[in-house]
Each structure stands twice: as C-alpha cells, then as structure tokens.
C-alpha cells in the first residue's frame, strides 16, 4: 500500500538521490586510489611472475652445475694426490 503523503514521497526521493550520490562518490574514490597506487608503484622496478620464475630456474640450474663442478674438481684433486 503506497502512501499519498507528499512529505514521505519527497523523503524517499531524497534518500534515493543520496544513495546514488554515495555510490558515485565511492566509485570515484576507488578509481582515484587506484590511479594514485599506479603512479606510486609505476616508478618502481617490479618484475613479472614469469621473469621471476625464469630467473629462479636459471639460479637452480646454476647451483646444480656448481655442485657438479665441485664434485669433478674433488675427483681430479683426489687423482693428483
């Protein structure tokens, strides 16, 4: 059952307008914060996940090769003694 009271109708319109304005302000604040974060972090030298994983794999391979070379040197030193 709807009320025919113009005061209540005006209050409902005001509440709807306030809710829309608040939603718009929230969107604008979120977008502004996102742009500020992009500006702040954009100048830093972060690496992508793919680059990190590639360097991690290269380091792992280098460690394995270093261990192999240590074993070969130890074997050669043992032959010389």
C-alpha atoms as a PDB file:
ATOM      1  CA  UNK A   1       0.000   0.000   0.000  1.00  0.00           C
ATOM      2  CA  UNK A   2       1.574   3.270  -1.130  1.00  0.00           C
ATOM      3  CA  UNK A   3       1.397   6.405   0.901  1.00  0.00           C
ATOM      4  CA  UNK A   4      -0.100   9.514  -0.695  1.00  0.00           C
ATOM      5  CA  UNK A   5       1.771  11.778   1.707  1.00  0.00           C
ATOM      6  CA  UNK A   6       3.978  14.148  -0.354  1.00  0.00           C
ATOM      7  CA  UNK A   7       6.379  14.554   2.564  1.00  0.00           C
ATOM      8  CA  UNK A   8       7.143  10.815   2.573  1.00  0.00           C
ATOM      9  CA  UNK A   9       7.459  10.769  -1.231  1.00  0.00           C
ATOM     10  CA  UNK A  10       9.940  13.656  -1.071  1.00  0.00           C
ATOM     11  CA  UNK A  11      11.895  11.884   1.658  1.00  0.00           C
ATOM     12  CA  UNK A  12      12.079   8.699  -0.455  1.00  0.00           C
ATOM     13  CA  UNK A  13      13.311  10.702  -3.461  1.00  0.00           C
ATOM     14  CA  UNK A  14      15.919  12.379  -1.273  1.00  0.00           C
ATOM     15  CA  UNK A  15      17.085   9.011   0.102  1.00  0.00           C
ATOM     16  CA  UNK A  16      17.356   7.548  -3.416  1.00  0.00           C
ATOM     17  CA  UNK A  17      19.336  10.547  -4.612  1.00  0.00           C
ATOM     18  CA  UNK A  18      21.652  10.343  -1.607  1.00  0.00           C
ATOM     19  CA  UNK A  19      22.259   6.639  -2.221  1.00  0.00           C
ATOM     20  CA  UNK A  20      23.108   7.298  -5.876  1.00  0.00           C
ATOM     21  CA  UNK A  21      25.439  10.128  -4.937  1.00  0.00           C
ATOM     22  CA  UNK A  22      27.158   7.994  -2.317  1.00  0.00           C
ATOM     23  CA  UNK A  23      27.644   5.168  -4.814  1.00  0.00           C
ATOM     24  CA  UNK A  24      29.142   7.610  -7.321  1.00  0.00           C
ATOM     25  CA  UNK A  25      31.479   9.074  -4.705  1.00  0.00           C
ATOM     26  CA  UNK A  26      32.589   5.565  -3.730  1.00  0.00           C
ATOM     27  CA  UNK A  27      33.388   4.732  -7.359  1.00  0.00           C
ATOM     28  CA  UNK A  28      35.313   7.959  -7.828  1.00  0.00           C
ATOM     29  CA  UNK A  29      37.301   7.442  -4.611  1.00  0.00           C
ATOM     30  CA  UNK A  30      38.163   3.872  -5.609  1.00  0.00           C
ATOM     31  CA  UNK A  31      39.270   4.960  -9.085  1.00  0.00           C
ATOM     32  CA  UNK A  32      41.335   7.829  -7.672  1.00  0.00           C
ATOM     33  CA  UNK A  33      43.034   5.497  -5.182  1.00  0.00           C
ATOM     34  CA  UNK A  34      43.779   3.008  -7.969  1.00  0.00           C
ATOM     35  CA  UNK A  35      45.349   5.742 -10.125  1.00  0.00           C
ATOM     36  CA  UNK A  36      47.392   7.017  -7.172  1.00  0.00           C
ATOM     37  CA  UNK A  37      48.660   3.492  -6.481  1.00  0.00           C
ATOM     38  CA  UNK A  38      49.572   3.029 -10.158  1.00  0.00           C
ATOM     39  CA  UNK A  39      51.509   6.283 -10.050  1.00  0.00           C
ATOM     40  CA  UNK A  40      53.288   5.351  -6.845  1.00  0.00           C
ATOM     41  CA  UNK A  41      54.184   1.799  -7.815  1.00  0.00           C
ATOM     42  CA  UNK A  42      54.661   2.529 -11.514  1.00  0.00           C
ATOM     43  CA  UNK A  43      58.081   4.070 -10.942  1.00  0.00           C
ATOM     44  CA  UNK A  44      59.353   1.081  -9.003  1.00  0.00           C
ATOM     45  CA  UNK A  45      61.134  -1.739 -10.748  1.00  0.00           C
ATOM     46  CA  UNK A  46      58.918  -4.727 -10.057  1.00  0.00           C
ATOM     47  CA  UNK A  47      59.316  -7.905 -12.080  1.00  0.00           C
ATOM     48  CA  UNK A  48      56.580 -10.033 -13.502  1.00  0.00           C
ATOM     49  CA  UNK A  49      55.899 -13.522 -12.194  1.00  0.00           C
ATOM     50  CA  UNK A  50      57.192 -15.030 -15.450  1.00  0.00           C
ATOM     51  CA  UNK A  51      60.502 -13.146 -15.150  1.00  0.00           C
ATOM     52  CA  UNK A  52      60.861 -14.200 -11.521  1.00  0.00           C
ATOM     53  CA  UNK A  53      60.212 -17.852 -12.341  1.00  0.00           C
ATOM     54  CA  UNK A  54      62.693 -17.743 -15.243  1.00  0.00           C
ATOM     55  CA  UNK A  55      65.474 -16.314 -13.059  1.00  0.00           C
ATOM     56  CA  UNK A  56      64.642 -18.801 -10.301  1.00  0.00           C
ATOM     57  CA  UNK A  57      65.012 -21.679 -12.772  1.00  0.00           C
ATOM     58  CA  UNK A  58      68.319 -20.271 -14.050  1.00  0.00           C
ATOM     59  CA  UNK A  59      69.650 -19.957 -10.488  1.00  0.00           C
ATOM     60  CA  UNK A  60      68.610 -23.517  -9.690  1.00  0.00           C
ATOM     61  CA  UNK A  61      70.372 -24.808 -12.803  1.00  0.00           C
ATOM     62  CA  UNK A  62      73.500 -22.787 -11.948  1.00  0.00           C
ATOM     63  CA  UNK A  63      73.554 -24.283  -8.429  1.00  0.00           C
ATOM     64  CA  UNK A  64      73.302 -27.806  -9.848  1.00  0.00           C
ATOM     65  CA  UNK A  65      76.132 -27.108 -12.302  1.00  0.00           C
ATOM     66  CA  UNK A  66      78.274 -25.653  -9.487  1.00  0.00           C
ATOM     67  CA  UNK A  67      77.736 -28.800  -7.408  1.00  0.00           C
ATOM     68  CA  UNK A  68      78.692 -30.985 -10.390  1.00  0.00           C
ATOM     69  CA  UNK A  69      81.843 -28.924 -10.947  1.00  0.00           C
ATOM     70  CA  UNK A  70      82.764 -29.185  -7.261  1.00  0.00           C
ATOM     71  CA  UNK A  71      82.481 -32.961  -7.472  1.00  0.00           C
ATOM     72  CA  UNK A  72      84.630 -33.075 -10.636  1.00  0.00           C
ATOM     73  CA  UNK A  73      87.300 -30.849  -9.058  1.00  0.00           C
ATOM     74  CA  UNK A  74      87.331 -33.003  -5.938  1.00  0.00           C
ATOM     75  CA  UNK A  75      87.718 -36.123  -8.092  1.00  0.00           C
ATOM     76  CA  UNK A  76      90.599 -34.578 -10.045  1.00  0.00           C
ATOM     77  CA  UNK A  77      92.319 -33.431  -6.860  1.00  0.00           C
ATOM     78  CA  UNK A  78      91.980 -36.936  -5.448  1.00  0.00           C
ATOM     79  CA  UNK A  79      93.680 -38.371  -8.575  1.00  0.00           C
ATOM     80  CA  UNK A  80      96.581 -35.934  -8.217  1.00  0.00           C
ATOM     81  CA  UNK A  81      97.271 -36.898  -4.618  1.00  0.00           C
END
